[in-house]
Amino acid sequence: MNLQTKRLQLRPIEAKDLNDYFEFYQLDSVCQYLPNEPWTPENKTENFESTLSSTNLENGSKLLLSVIYQEKAIGVIFIMPDEMIDTFEIGYVFNPTFSKQGFAFEAVSATFDYLFQIIKAHRVFANLDTRNIASMKLCEKLGMRQEAHYMEDYWLKGEWTDSYIYGILNREW
């Protein structure tokens, strides 16, 4: 699967993306709301190879797409089928060097177009740490609504954290 926007290409992860991913996955600021610790030079190949192993939405597994800008992987989008029919969870991680330029909005919008128009999804949702203000703002800019606020529902890096669920329906997109 390949998606093209005005500035970006979204395509399956390729081995050549390793160093671009390491550039942002090694940062504490990027990993602070993720279940994984920052990558190190010693574990970057192992961590990257684990992301390569699952990429087929049609078979019910998650799909990971590299977000490419000028030949560089600046982010990744995760699409995970939910147990509810025609429902998908979306997640994303972007290199902060490229923040505040509209890349995340452009990439996730293209992903929504694909999910709602091609896959015929009924609902797409995002589960995010309530401290992740940038992700919350992106969800709201995309027209998603806050559907839930779970208190201390997720154990992350030695503490209980709160979660927001944001969602959008096909007819709203």
N, C-alpha and C. Protein backbone atom coordinates (compact mmCIF):
# COMPACT_ATOMS: atom_id res chain seq x y z
N MET A 1 0.84 -1.18 0.00
CA MET A 1 0.00 0.00 0.00
C MET A 1 0.88 1.25 0.00
N ASN A 2 0.62 2.15 -0.90
CA ASN A 2 1.32 3.41 -0.97
C ASN A 2 0.31 4.54 -1.08
N LEU A 3 0.51 5.58 -0.29
CA LEU A 3 -0.34 6.76 -0.35
C LEU A 3 0.54 7.96 -0.67
N GLN A 4 0.01 8.87 -1.44
CA GLN A 4 0.76 10.07 -1.82
C GLN A 4 -0.06 11.28 -1.42
N THR A 5 0.59 12.26 -0.80
CA THR A 5 -0.04 13.53 -0.51
C THR A 5 0.75 14.60 -1.27
N LYS A 6 0.42 15.85 -1.01
CA LYS A 6 1.12 16.94 -1.68
C LYS A 6 2.63 16.89 -1.42
N ARG A 7 3.02 16.58 -0.18
CA ARG A 7 4.45 16.60 0.17
C ARG A 7 5.00 15.25 0.61
N LEU A 8 4.14 14.30 0.89
CA LEU A 8 4.57 13.07 1.55
C LEU A 8 4.23 11.82 0.77
N GLN A 9 4.99 10.78 1.03
CA GLN A 9 4.66 9.44 0.59
C GLN A 9 4.50 8.60 1.86
N LEU A 10 3.45 7.80 1.91
CA LEU A 10 3.25 6.84 2.99
C LEU A 10 3.36 5.47 2.36
N ARG A 11 4.31 4.67 2.85
CA ARG A 11 4.56 3.37 2.26
C ARG A 11 4.98 2.40 3.35
N PRO A 12 4.92 1.11 3.07
CA PRO A 12 5.40 0.14 4.07
C PRO A 12 6.85 0.42 4.45
N ILE A 13 7.17 0.10 5.68
CA ILE A 13 8.53 0.29 6.19
C ILE A 13 9.50 -0.55 5.37
N GLU A 14 10.66 0.03 5.08
CA GLU A 14 11.72 -0.68 4.36
C GLU A 14 12.99 -0.66 5.20
N ALA A 15 13.86 -1.60 4.94
CA ALA A 15 15.11 -1.71 5.71
C ALA A 15 15.92 -0.41 5.66
N LYS A 16 15.84 0.32 4.56
CA LYS A 16 16.62 1.56 4.44
C LYS A 16 16.13 2.66 5.38
N ASP A 17 15.00 2.46 6.06
CA ASP A 17 14.47 3.46 6.99
C ASP A 17 15.13 3.40 8.37
N LEU A 18 15.93 2.38 8.61
CA LEU A 18 16.49 2.15 9.95
C LEU A 18 17.14 3.38 10.56
N ASN A 19 18.06 4.00 9.89
CA ASN A 19 18.78 5.13 10.47
C ASN A 19 17.88 6.35 10.68
N ASP A 20 16.91 6.54 9.79
CA ASP A 20 15.96 7.64 9.98
C ASP A 20 15.11 7.40 11.23
N TYR A 21 14.67 6.16 11.44
CA TYR A 21 13.89 5.83 12.63
C TYR A 21 14.74 6.02 13.89
N PHE A 22 15.97 5.57 13.83
CA PHE A 22 16.84 5.70 14.99
C PHE A 22 17.02 7.15 15.39
N GLU A 23 17.04 8.03 14.40
CA GLU A 23 17.21 9.46 14.67
C GLU A 23 16.17 9.98 15.65
N PHE A 24 14.92 9.49 15.56
CA PHE A 24 13.91 9.99 16.50
C PHE A 24 13.57 9.01 17.61
N TYR A 25 13.67 7.70 17.37
CA TYR A 25 13.36 6.74 18.44
C TYR A 25 14.44 6.70 19.53
N GLN A 26 15.56 7.33 19.33
CA GLN A 26 16.57 7.39 20.38
C GLN A 26 16.31 8.52 21.37
N LEU A 27 15.34 9.36 21.10
CA LEU A 27 15.07 10.54 21.92
C LEU A 27 14.11 10.24 23.06
N ASP A 28 14.47 10.65 24.26
CA ASP A 28 13.59 10.50 25.42
C ASP A 28 12.25 11.19 25.16
N SER A 29 12.29 12.37 24.57
CA SER A 29 11.06 13.13 24.34
C SER A 29 10.09 12.41 23.42
N VAL A 30 10.59 11.64 22.48
CA VAL A 30 9.74 10.88 21.56
C VAL A 30 9.15 9.66 22.27
N CYS A 31 9.93 9.01 23.11
CA CYS A 31 9.51 7.75 23.73
C CYS A 31 8.79 7.93 25.06
N GLN A 32 8.69 9.14 25.57
CA GLN A 32 8.15 9.31 26.91
C GLN A 32 6.72 8.79 27.06
N TYR A 33 5.90 8.81 26.02
CA TYR A 33 4.53 8.31 26.11
C TYR A 33 4.35 6.96 25.42
N LEU A 34 5.44 6.37 24.96
CA LEU A 34 5.40 5.07 24.28
C LEU A 34 5.81 3.97 25.25
N PRO A 35 5.37 2.74 25.02
CA PRO A 35 5.75 1.66 25.93
C PRO A 35 7.22 1.28 25.85
N ASN A 36 7.88 1.61 24.75
CA ASN A 36 9.30 1.25 24.61
C ASN A 36 10.21 2.35 25.14
N GLU A 37 11.39 1.93 25.54
CA GLU A 37 12.43 2.86 25.96
C GLU A 37 13.11 3.41 24.70
N PRO A 38 13.83 4.51 24.82
CA PRO A 38 14.58 5.01 23.66
C PRO A 38 15.54 3.95 23.12
N TRP A 39 15.67 3.92 21.82
CA TRP A 39 16.58 2.98 21.18
C TRP A 39 18.02 3.40 21.46
N THR A 40 18.89 2.41 21.47
CA THR A 40 20.32 2.65 21.63
C THR A 40 21.02 2.11 20.39
N PRO A 41 22.28 2.50 20.17
CA PRO A 41 23.01 1.91 19.04
C PRO A 41 23.06 0.39 19.12
N GLU A 42 23.08 -0.16 20.33
CA GLU A 42 23.17 -1.60 20.50
C GLU A 42 21.87 -2.33 20.17
N ASN A 43 20.70 -1.70 20.40
CA ASN A 43 19.44 -2.41 20.17
C ASN A 43 18.61 -1.88 19.00
N LYS A 44 19.14 -0.88 18.28
CA LYS A 44 18.34 -0.26 17.23
C LYS A 44 17.96 -1.25 16.13
N THR A 45 18.84 -2.13 15.72
CA THR A 45 18.53 -3.08 14.65
C THR A 45 17.46 -4.06 15.11
N GLU A 46 17.59 -4.57 16.31
CA GLU A 46 16.60 -5.50 16.86
C GLU A 46 15.23 -4.83 16.98
N ASN A 47 15.20 -3.60 17.51
CA ASN A 47 13.94 -2.88 17.63
C ASN A 47 13.32 -2.60 16.27
N PHE A 48 14.12 -2.20 15.33
CA PHE A 48 13.62 -1.89 14.00
C PHE A 48 13.08 -3.15 13.32
N GLU A 49 13.80 -4.25 13.42
CA GLU A 49 13.35 -5.50 12.79
C GLU A 49 12.03 -5.98 13.37
N SER A 50 11.77 -5.69 14.64
CA SER A 50 10.47 -6.09 15.21
C SER A 50 9.33 -5.28 14.61
N THR A 51 9.61 -4.06 14.15
CA THR A 51 8.56 -3.27 13.50
C THR A 51 8.31 -3.74 12.07
N LEU A 52 9.31 -4.34 11.45
CA LEU A 52 9.16 -4.81 10.06
C LEU A 52 8.25 -6.03 9.93
N SER A 53 8.03 -6.74 11.02
CA SER A 53 7.41 -8.06 10.94
C SER A 53 5.90 -8.07 10.74
N SER A 54 5.21 -6.94 10.87
CA SER A 54 3.75 -6.99 10.78
C SER A 54 3.23 -5.86 9.90
N THR A 55 2.77 -6.23 8.71
CA THR A 55 2.25 -5.18 7.83
C THR A 55 1.24 -5.70 6.82
N ASN A 56 0.07 -6.13 7.26
CA ASN A 56 -0.96 -6.53 6.31
C ASN A 56 -2.34 -6.38 6.92
N LEU A 57 -2.97 -5.23 6.68
CA LEU A 57 -4.30 -4.96 7.21
C LEU A 57 -5.33 -5.98 6.74
N GLU A 58 -5.24 -6.37 5.48
CA GLU A 58 -6.23 -7.29 4.91
C GLU A 58 -6.24 -8.63 5.64
N ASN A 59 -5.11 -9.03 6.22
CA ASN A 59 -5.04 -10.29 6.96
C ASN A 59 -5.32 -10.09 8.44
N GLY A 60 -5.76 -8.90 8.82
CA GLY A 60 -6.14 -8.65 10.20
C GLY A 60 -4.99 -8.30 11.12
N SER A 61 -3.78 -8.10 10.57
CA SER A 61 -2.68 -7.68 11.43
C SER A 61 -2.49 -6.18 11.29
N LYS A 62 -1.66 -5.62 12.15
CA LYS A 62 -1.46 -4.18 12.07
C LYS A 62 -0.64 -3.82 10.84
N LEU A 63 -0.76 -2.58 10.44
CA LEU A 63 -0.03 -2.06 9.29
C LEU A 63 0.78 -0.87 9.78
N LEU A 64 2.06 -0.87 9.45
CA LEU A 64 2.94 0.24 9.78
C LEU A 64 3.41 0.88 8.49
N LEU A 65 3.27 2.19 8.44
CA LEU A 65 3.66 2.94 7.25
C LEU A 65 4.72 3.97 7.59
N SER A 66 5.77 4.01 6.82
CA SER A 66 6.76 5.08 6.95
C SER A 66 6.21 6.32 6.28
N VAL A 67 6.41 7.45 6.92
CA VAL A 67 6.03 8.74 6.36
C VAL A 67 7.32 9.34 5.78
N ILE A 68 7.32 9.49 4.45
CA ILE A 68 8.53 9.90 3.74
C ILE A 68 8.38 11.34 3.24
N TYR A 69 9.39 12.14 3.56
CA TYR A 69 9.47 13.52 3.07
C TYR A 69 10.87 13.71 2.48
N GLN A 70 10.92 14.05 1.23
CA GLN A 70 12.20 14.26 0.54
C GLN A 70 13.18 13.11 0.79
N GLU A 71 12.70 11.90 0.54
CA GLU A 71 13.53 10.68 0.64
C GLU A 71 13.90 10.28 2.07
N LYS A 72 13.33 10.93 3.08
CA LYS A 72 13.66 10.65 4.48
C LYS A 72 12.41 10.20 5.23
N ALA A 73 12.55 9.14 6.04
CA ALA A 73 11.45 8.69 6.90
C ALA A 73 11.39 9.62 8.11
N ILE A 74 10.34 10.43 8.16
CA ILE A 74 10.20 11.41 9.25
C ILE A 74 9.19 10.97 10.29
N GLY A 75 8.55 9.84 10.06
CA GLY A 75 7.57 9.35 11.01
C GLY A 75 7.05 7.99 10.62
N VAL A 76 6.20 7.48 11.47
CA VAL A 76 5.56 6.18 11.24
C VAL A 76 4.11 6.28 11.70
N ILE A 77 3.23 5.64 10.93
CA ILE A 77 1.82 5.55 11.29
C ILE A 77 1.49 4.08 11.51
N PHE A 78 0.80 3.81 12.61
CA PHE A 78 0.35 2.46 12.96
C PHE A 78 -1.15 2.39 12.74
N ILE A 79 -1.61 1.36 12.05
CA ILE A 79 -3.04 1.11 11.88
C ILE A 79 -3.29 -0.30 12.40
N MET A 80 -4.15 -0.41 13.42
CA MET A 80 -4.41 -1.71 14.03
C MET A 80 -5.90 -2.02 14.01
N PRO A 81 -6.28 -3.12 13.37
CA PRO A 81 -7.70 -3.50 13.41
C PRO A 81 -8.13 -3.76 14.85
N ASP A 82 -9.30 -3.29 15.19
CA ASP A 82 -9.88 -3.53 16.52
C ASP A 82 -10.71 -4.81 16.46
N GLU A 83 -11.06 -5.32 17.61
CA GLU A 83 -11.90 -6.53 17.63
C GLU A 83 -13.31 -6.23 17.12
N MET A 84 -13.73 -4.97 17.15
CA MET A 84 -15.05 -4.60 16.63
C MET A 84 -14.95 -4.45 15.11
N ILE A 85 -15.91 -4.97 14.40
CA ILE A 85 -15.91 -4.95 12.94
C ILE A 85 -15.76 -3.52 12.41
N ASP A 86 -14.95 -3.37 11.36
CA ASP A 86 -14.77 -2.10 10.64
C ASP A 86 -14.28 -0.96 11.53
N THR A 87 -13.52 -1.31 12.56
CA THR A 87 -13.00 -0.32 13.50
C THR A 87 -11.48 -0.47 13.57
N PHE A 88 -10.79 0.66 13.56
CA PHE A 88 -9.33 0.64 13.55
C PHE A 88 -8.78 1.64 14.56
N GLU A 89 -7.70 1.23 15.21
CA GLU A 89 -6.96 2.14 16.07
C GLU A 89 -5.80 2.70 15.26
N ILE A 90 -5.53 3.97 15.46
CA ILE A 90 -4.42 4.60 14.76
C ILE A 90 -3.44 5.16 15.78
N GLY A 91 -2.17 5.09 15.44
CA GLY A 91 -1.13 5.69 16.26
C GLY A 91 -0.08 6.29 15.34
N TYR A 92 0.77 7.12 15.89
CA TYR A 92 1.76 7.79 15.05
C TYR A 92 2.91 8.26 15.92
N VAL A 93 4.07 8.31 15.31
CA VAL A 93 5.28 8.83 15.95
C VAL A 93 6.01 9.63 14.86
N PHE A 94 6.43 10.84 15.20
CA PHE A 94 7.11 11.69 14.23
C PHE A 94 8.41 12.24 14.80
N ASN A 95 9.34 12.47 13.92
CA ASN A 95 10.61 13.08 14.27
C ASN A 95 10.34 14.54 14.65
N PRO A 96 10.69 14.96 15.88
CA PRO A 96 10.39 16.33 16.29
C PRO A 96 11.10 17.41 15.48
N THR A 97 12.14 17.04 14.76
CA THR A 97 12.81 18.00 13.87
C THR A 97 11.84 18.53 12.83
N PHE A 98 10.81 17.74 12.50
CA PHE A 98 9.87 18.11 11.45
C PHE A 98 8.51 18.55 12.01
N SER A 99 8.47 18.88 13.30
CA SER A 99 7.19 19.28 13.90
C SER A 99 6.81 20.70 13.50
N LYS A 100 5.56 21.01 13.72
CA LYS A 100 4.98 22.35 13.46
C LYS A 100 5.05 22.75 11.99
N GLN A 101 5.03 21.73 11.10
CA GLN A 101 5.01 22.00 9.66
C GLN A 101 3.82 21.35 8.98
N GLY A 102 2.93 20.75 9.77
CA GLY A 102 1.72 20.14 9.22
C GLY A 102 1.90 18.73 8.68
N PHE A 103 3.07 18.13 8.87
CA PHE A 103 3.31 16.79 8.32
C PHE A 103 2.43 15.73 8.98
N ALA A 104 2.29 15.78 10.29
CA ALA A 104 1.47 14.77 10.98
C ALA A 104 0.02 14.89 10.52
N PHE A 105 -0.51 16.10 10.45
CA PHE A 105 -1.89 16.30 9.99
C PHE A 105 -2.07 15.77 8.57
N GLU A 106 -1.13 16.09 7.71
CA GLU A 106 -1.20 15.66 6.30
C GLU A 106 -1.15 14.13 6.19
N ALA A 107 -0.26 13.51 6.95
CA ALA A 107 -0.11 12.05 6.88
C ALA A 107 -1.31 11.32 7.47
N VAL A 108 -1.79 11.79 8.62
CA VAL A 108 -2.93 11.12 9.25
C VAL A 108 -4.21 11.37 8.44
N SER A 109 -4.35 12.55 7.87
CA SER A 109 -5.51 12.82 6.99
C SER A 109 -5.54 11.85 5.82
N ALA A 110 -4.40 11.63 5.19
CA ALA A 110 -4.33 10.68 4.07
C ALA A 110 -4.66 9.27 4.54
N THR A 111 -4.24 8.93 5.74
CA THR A 111 -4.54 7.61 6.30
C THR A 111 -6.04 7.47 6.55
N PHE A 112 -6.67 8.52 7.07
CA PHE A 112 -8.12 8.49 7.26
C PHE A 112 -8.83 8.35 5.92
N ASP A 113 -8.39 9.09 4.90
CA ASP A 113 -9.00 8.95 3.57
C ASP A 113 -8.95 7.49 3.12
N TYR A 114 -7.80 6.87 3.28
CA TYR A 114 -7.63 5.47 2.89
C TYR A 114 -8.56 4.56 3.71
N LEU A 115 -8.57 4.73 5.01
CA LEU A 115 -9.39 3.85 5.86
C LEU A 115 -10.88 4.03 5.59
N PHE A 116 -11.33 5.27 5.44
CA PHE A 116 -12.75 5.51 5.27
C PHE A 116 -13.23 5.28 3.83
N GLN A 117 -12.42 5.63 2.84
CA GLN A 117 -12.87 5.52 1.45
C GLN A 117 -12.54 4.18 0.81
N ILE A 118 -11.38 3.61 1.10
CA ILE A 118 -10.96 2.37 0.46
C ILE A 118 -11.32 1.15 1.31
N ILE A 119 -10.94 1.17 2.57
CA ILE A 119 -11.21 0.04 3.47
C ILE A 119 -12.66 0.04 3.94
N LYS A 120 -13.31 1.19 3.89
CA LYS A 120 -14.70 1.37 4.32
C LYS A 120 -14.84 1.19 5.84
N ALA A 121 -13.88 1.73 6.57
CA ALA A 121 -13.95 1.69 8.02
C ALA A 121 -15.19 2.43 8.50
N HIS A 122 -15.74 1.96 9.59
CA HIS A 122 -16.87 2.63 10.24
C HIS A 122 -16.37 3.68 11.24
N ARG A 123 -15.31 3.30 11.99
CA ARG A 123 -14.80 4.16 13.06
C ARG A 123 -13.29 4.01 13.17
N VAL A 124 -12.62 5.12 13.45
CA VAL A 124 -11.18 5.12 13.72
C VAL A 124 -11.00 5.82 15.07
N PHE A 125 -10.13 5.25 15.91
CA PHE A 125 -9.90 5.87 17.21
C PHE A 125 -8.41 5.88 17.54
N ALA A 126 -8.07 6.75 18.47
CA ALA A 126 -6.69 6.86 18.96
C ALA A 126 -6.74 6.79 20.49
N ASN A 127 -5.78 6.08 21.06
CA ASN A 127 -5.65 5.95 22.51
C ASN A 127 -4.36 6.65 22.89
N LEU A 128 -4.44 7.73 23.67
CA LEU A 128 -3.25 8.49 23.96
C LEU A 128 -3.13 8.87 25.42
N ASP A 129 -1.91 9.05 25.85
CA ASP A 129 -1.61 9.50 27.20
C ASP A 129 -2.13 10.93 27.34
N THR A 130 -2.83 11.22 28.42
CA THR A 130 -3.42 12.55 28.59
C THR A 130 -2.38 13.66 28.68
N ARG A 131 -1.13 13.30 28.97
CA ARG A 131 -0.06 14.31 29.04
C ARG A 131 0.47 14.67 27.66
N ASN A 132 0.09 13.90 26.64
CA ASN A 132 0.59 14.12 25.30
C ASN A 132 -0.26 15.18 24.60
N ILE A 133 0.00 16.42 24.92
CA ILE A 133 -0.80 17.55 24.42
C ILE A 133 -0.73 17.65 22.89
N ALA A 134 0.44 17.42 22.31
CA ALA A 134 0.58 17.52 20.85
C ALA A 134 -0.33 16.50 20.15
N SER A 135 -0.40 15.29 20.67
CA SER A 135 -1.26 14.28 20.07
C SER A 135 -2.73 14.64 20.24
N MET A 136 -3.08 15.15 21.40
CA MET A 136 -4.46 15.58 21.65
C MET A 136 -4.86 16.68 20.66
N LYS A 137 -3.98 17.65 20.45
CA LYS A 137 -4.27 18.74 19.51
C LYS A 137 -4.41 18.23 18.09
N LEU A 138 -3.58 17.25 17.72
CA LEU A 138 -3.69 16.68 16.38
C LEU A 138 -5.04 16.00 16.20
N CYS A 139 -5.45 15.20 17.18
CA CYS A 139 -6.75 14.52 17.10
C CYS A 139 -7.87 15.53 16.92
N GLU A 140 -7.84 16.59 17.70
CA GLU A 140 -8.89 17.60 17.61
C GLU A 140 -8.87 18.33 16.27
N LYS A 141 -7.68 18.62 15.75
CA LYS A 141 -7.56 19.28 14.45
C LYS A 141 -8.11 18.38 13.33
N LEU A 142 -7.99 17.07 13.52
CA LEU A 142 -8.50 16.11 12.54
C LEU A 142 -10.02 15.93 12.64
N GLY A 143 -10.64 16.57 13.61
CA GLY A 143 -12.09 16.47 13.78
C GLY A 143 -12.52 15.32 14.67
N MET A 144 -11.56 14.70 15.35
CA MET A 144 -11.90 13.61 16.27
C MET A 144 -12.45 14.21 17.56
N ARG A 145 -13.31 13.45 18.22
CA ARG A 145 -13.87 13.90 19.48
C ARG A 145 -13.31 13.05 20.61
N GLN A 146 -13.18 13.66 21.78
CA GLN A 146 -12.77 12.89 22.95
C GLN A 146 -13.96 12.06 23.39
N GLU A 147 -13.79 10.75 23.37
CA GLU A 147 -14.87 9.83 23.73
C GLU A 147 -14.76 9.30 25.15
N ALA A 148 -13.55 9.29 25.68
CA ALA A 148 -13.36 8.74 27.02
C ALA A 148 -12.12 9.33 27.67
N HIS A 149 -12.15 9.33 28.99
CA HIS A 149 -10.98 9.70 29.80
C HIS A 149 -10.87 8.62 30.87
N TYR A 150 -9.90 7.74 30.70
CA TYR A 150 -9.68 6.66 31.65
C TYR A 150 -8.65 7.09 32.67
N MET A 151 -8.96 6.87 33.93
CA MET A 151 -8.09 7.26 35.03
C MET A 151 -7.17 6.10 35.40
N GLU A 152 -5.88 6.38 35.44
CA GLU A 152 -4.87 5.42 35.86
C GLU A 152 -5.14 4.02 35.30
N ASP A 153 -5.31 3.96 33.99
CA ASP A 153 -5.66 2.69 33.33
C ASP A 153 -4.46 2.00 32.68
N TYR A 154 -3.32 2.67 32.63
CA TYR A 154 -2.18 2.10 31.91
C TYR A 154 -0.91 2.27 32.73
N TRP A 155 -0.22 1.15 32.96
CA TRP A 155 1.04 1.17 33.69
C TRP A 155 2.15 1.44 32.69
N LEU A 156 2.82 2.58 32.85
CA LEU A 156 3.84 2.98 31.89
C LEU A 156 5.07 3.49 32.63
N LYS A 157 6.15 2.78 32.45
CA LYS A 157 7.45 3.21 32.97
C LYS A 157 7.41 3.55 34.45
N GLY A 158 6.81 2.64 35.21
CA GLY A 158 6.83 2.77 36.66
C GLY A 158 5.73 3.61 37.28
N GLU A 159 4.72 3.99 36.50
CA GLU A 159 3.62 4.76 37.07
C GLU A 159 2.31 4.50 36.32
N TRP A 160 1.21 4.68 37.03
CA TRP A 160 -0.10 4.60 36.40
C TRP A 160 -0.36 5.90 35.66
N THR A 161 -0.83 5.78 34.43
CA THR A 161 -1.10 6.97 33.63
C THR A 161 -2.56 6.97 33.18
N ASP A 162 -3.06 8.15 32.86
CA ASP A 162 -4.43 8.32 32.36
C ASP A 162 -4.41 8.26 30.83
N SER A 163 -5.53 7.88 30.24
CA SER A 163 -5.64 7.80 28.78
C SER A 163 -6.88 8.54 28.29
N TYR A 164 -6.75 9.14 27.12
CA TYR A 164 -7.88 9.68 26.38
C TYR A 164 -8.11 8.75 25.19
N ILE A 165 -9.38 8.56 24.87
CA ILE A 165 -9.76 7.92 23.61
C ILE A 165 -10.41 8.99 22.75
N TYR A 166 -9.85 9.17 21.57
CA TYR A 166 -10.43 10.08 20.58
C TYR A 166 -10.95 9.22 19.43
N GLY A 167 -12.10 9.59 18.86
CA GLY A 167 -12.65 8.81 17.77
C GLY A 167 -13.33 9.68 16.73
N ILE A 168 -13.51 9.06 15.56
CA ILE A 168 -14.22 9.71 14.45
C ILE A 168 -14.90 8.62 13.64
N LEU A 169 -16.10 8.91 13.17
CA LEU A 169 -16.86 7.97 12.35
C LEU A 169 -16.69 8.31 10.87
N ASN A 170 -16.95 7.32 10.04
CA ASN A 170 -16.84 7.51 8.59
C ASN A 170 -17.70 8.69 8.15
N ARG A 171 -18.93 8.77 8.61
CA ARG A 171 -19.84 9.83 8.16
C ARG A 171 -19.38 11.22 8.62
N GLU A 172 -18.51 11.28 9.63
CA GLU A 172 -18.01 12.57 10.12
C GLU A 172 -16.78 13.02 9.33
N TRP A 173 -16.11 12.07 8.70
CA TRP A 173 -14.89 12.42 7.97
C TRP A 173 -15.25 13.02 6.62
